[in-house]
Protein backbone atom coordinates (compact mmCIF):
# COMPACT_ATOMS: atom_id res chain seq x y z
CA PRO A 1 -13.15 10.37 9.43
CA THR A 2 -14.56 12.79 12.03
CA PHE A 3 -17.87 14.61 12.15
CA PHE A 4 -15.86 17.78 11.08
CA SER A 5 -14.02 16.15 8.15
CA VAL A 6 -17.13 14.92 6.61
CA MET A 7 -19.32 18.04 6.95
CA ASN A 8 -20.84 19.30 3.82
CA ASN A 9 -20.52 23.02 4.76
CA ARG A 10 -17.25 23.80 6.49
CA PHE A 11 -16.05 27.37 7.59
CA SER A 12 -12.73 26.57 5.94
CA ASP A 13 -14.36 25.99 2.45
CA ILE A 14 -15.80 29.71 2.55
CA GLU A 15 -14.11 31.83 -0.14
CA LEU A 16 -14.00 35.43 1.11
CA ARG A 17 -14.97 37.90 -1.45
CA GLU A 18 -12.04 40.31 -2.05
CA GLU A 19 -13.79 43.55 -1.35
CA GLU A 20 -17.09 42.51 -0.04
CA GLY A 21 -16.27 39.84 2.65
CA ILE A 22 -17.96 36.92 4.05
CA PRO A 23 -20.58 35.34 1.79
CA THR A 24 -23.80 35.16 3.97
CA GLU A 25 -25.45 32.00 2.58
CA GLU A 26 -22.26 30.00 3.09
CA PHE A 27 -21.75 31.25 6.42
CA LEU A 28 -25.21 30.34 7.51
CA GLU A 29 -25.00 26.87 6.03
CA SER A 30 -21.79 26.28 7.95
CA CYS A 31 -23.35 27.53 11.08
CA TYR A 32 -26.40 25.13 10.45
CA ALA A 33 -23.94 22.28 10.14
CA ILE A 34 -22.50 22.71 13.57
CA VAL A 35 -25.72 22.31 15.30
CA PRO A 36 -25.73 18.59 15.55
CA VAL A 37 -22.41 18.73 17.34
CA LEU A 38 -24.29 20.49 20.28
CA ASP A 39 -26.53 17.49 20.45
CA LYS A 40 -23.68 15.16 20.41
CA LEU A 41 -21.92 16.94 23.12
CA GLY A 42 -24.75 16.80 25.61
CA PRO A 43 -28.27 17.61 24.90
CA THR A 44 -28.88 18.84 28.36
CA VAL A 45 -25.72 20.71 29.09
CA PHE A 46 -25.58 22.29 25.72
CA ALA A 47 -29.24 22.93 25.13
CA PRO A 48 -29.01 26.78 26.11
CA VAL A 49 -26.06 27.11 23.73
CA LYS A 50 -27.88 25.33 21.03
CA MET A 51 -31.03 27.49 21.54
CA ASP A 52 -28.91 30.71 21.50
CA PHE A 53 -26.89 29.62 18.42
CA VAL A 54 -29.93 28.45 16.33
CA GLY A 55 -31.78 31.71 17.38
CA ASN A 56 -28.97 33.86 16.07
CA ILE A 57 -28.55 32.11 12.94
CA LYS A 58 -32.21 32.45 12.28
CA LYS A 59 -32.13 36.29 12.98
CA ILE A 60 -29.25 36.64 10.37
CA ASN A 61 -31.16 34.49 7.90
CA GLN A 62 -34.35 36.39 8.42
CA LYS A 63 -32.37 39.58 7.34
CA PHE A 64 -30.59 37.64 4.50
CA ILE A 65 -33.90 36.30 2.99
CA THR A 66 -35.43 39.80 2.78
CA ASN A 67 -33.01 40.82 -0.16
CA LYS A 68 -30.66 37.98 -0.85
CA GLU A 69 -28.83 40.00 -3.36
CA GLU A 70 -28.35 43.06 -1.34
CA PHE A 71 -27.23 41.23 1.72
CA ASP A 72 -25.07 38.61 0.06
CA THR A 73 -22.31 39.20 2.51
CA LEU A 74 -22.50 39.55 6.29
CA GLN A 75 -20.40 43.09 5.89
CA LYS A 76 -23.34 44.28 3.81
CA ILE A 77 -25.91 43.39 6.34
CA VAL A 78 -23.98 44.99 9.12
CA LEU A 79 -23.26 48.15 7.08
CA HIS A 80 -26.93 48.41 6.13
CA GLU A 81 -28.08 48.22 9.70
CA VAL A 82 -25.33 50.64 10.87
CA ASN A 83 -26.47 53.20 8.18
CA ALA A 84 -30.19 52.61 9.16
CA GLY A 85 -29.45 53.14 12.90
CA VAL A 86 -30.66 49.73 13.93
CA ALA A 87 -27.38 47.80 14.29
CA GLN A 88 -27.61 48.08 18.06
CA VAL A 89 -31.41 47.43 18.40
CA ARG A 90 -32.33 44.22 20.24
CA ASN A 91 -32.81 41.30 17.65
CA SER A 92 -30.96 43.04 14.86
CA ALA A 93 -28.96 40.81 12.50
CA THR A 94 -25.87 42.68 13.65
CA GLU A 95 -26.41 41.84 17.32
CA ALA A 96 -27.11 38.26 16.32
CA LEU A 97 -23.98 37.96 14.41
CA LEU A 98 -22.11 39.35 17.47
CA TRP A 99 -23.72 36.67 19.76
CA LEU A 100 -23.11 34.03 17.09
CA LYS A 101 -19.39 34.91 16.87
CA ARG A 102 -19.29 34.62 20.57
CA GLY A 103 -21.04 31.25 20.50
CA LEU A 104 -18.57 29.86 17.89
CA LYS A 105 -15.66 31.12 19.84
CA PHE A 106 -16.95 29.51 23.09
CA LEU A 107 -17.45 26.18 21.16
CA LYS A 108 -13.99 26.32 19.61
CA GLY A 109 -12.63 26.94 23.13
CA PHE A 110 -14.37 24.06 24.59
CA LEU A 111 -13.42 21.65 21.69
CA THR A 112 -9.80 22.77 21.99
CA GLU A 113 -9.79 21.84 25.80
CA VAL A 114 -11.26 18.54 24.97
CA LYS A 115 -8.90 17.89 22.04
CA ASN A 116 -5.97 18.90 24.50
CA GLY A 117 -6.99 16.04 26.85
CA GLU A 118 -9.38 17.66 29.32
CA LYS A 119 -11.79 14.84 30.60
CA ASN A 120 -13.98 16.91 33.02
CA ILE A 121 -16.60 18.66 31.26
CA GLN A 122 -17.02 21.36 33.61
CA THR A 123 -13.37 22.12 33.51
CA ALA A 124 -13.47 22.16 29.64
CA LEU A 125 -16.42 24.65 29.89
């Protein structure tokens, strides 16, 4: 078993809602479950990534908890912020989601390099 195979909240377990999209709560739980990986990879090297990652999760969660029923999917949060004209405002949930997506993509790329045999951390980064 690996850290990823025994995770309680995995992205692959999230069931998309047909017309509504990605469930916010499950997505955030999966994001929080990844955070310990960053500590294992290197608490010093990955500290800025972890700080950014956790900060963006918290921003999305702050929006979600203001109205869990209304913001039950990520798409509903983004549409609400777009319609309110705040999607591009600094610290919006939409901006946080964009940066969180970039962080996840970066982490996936790094882990893929390691999985493919790259031993040098700088090269993998």
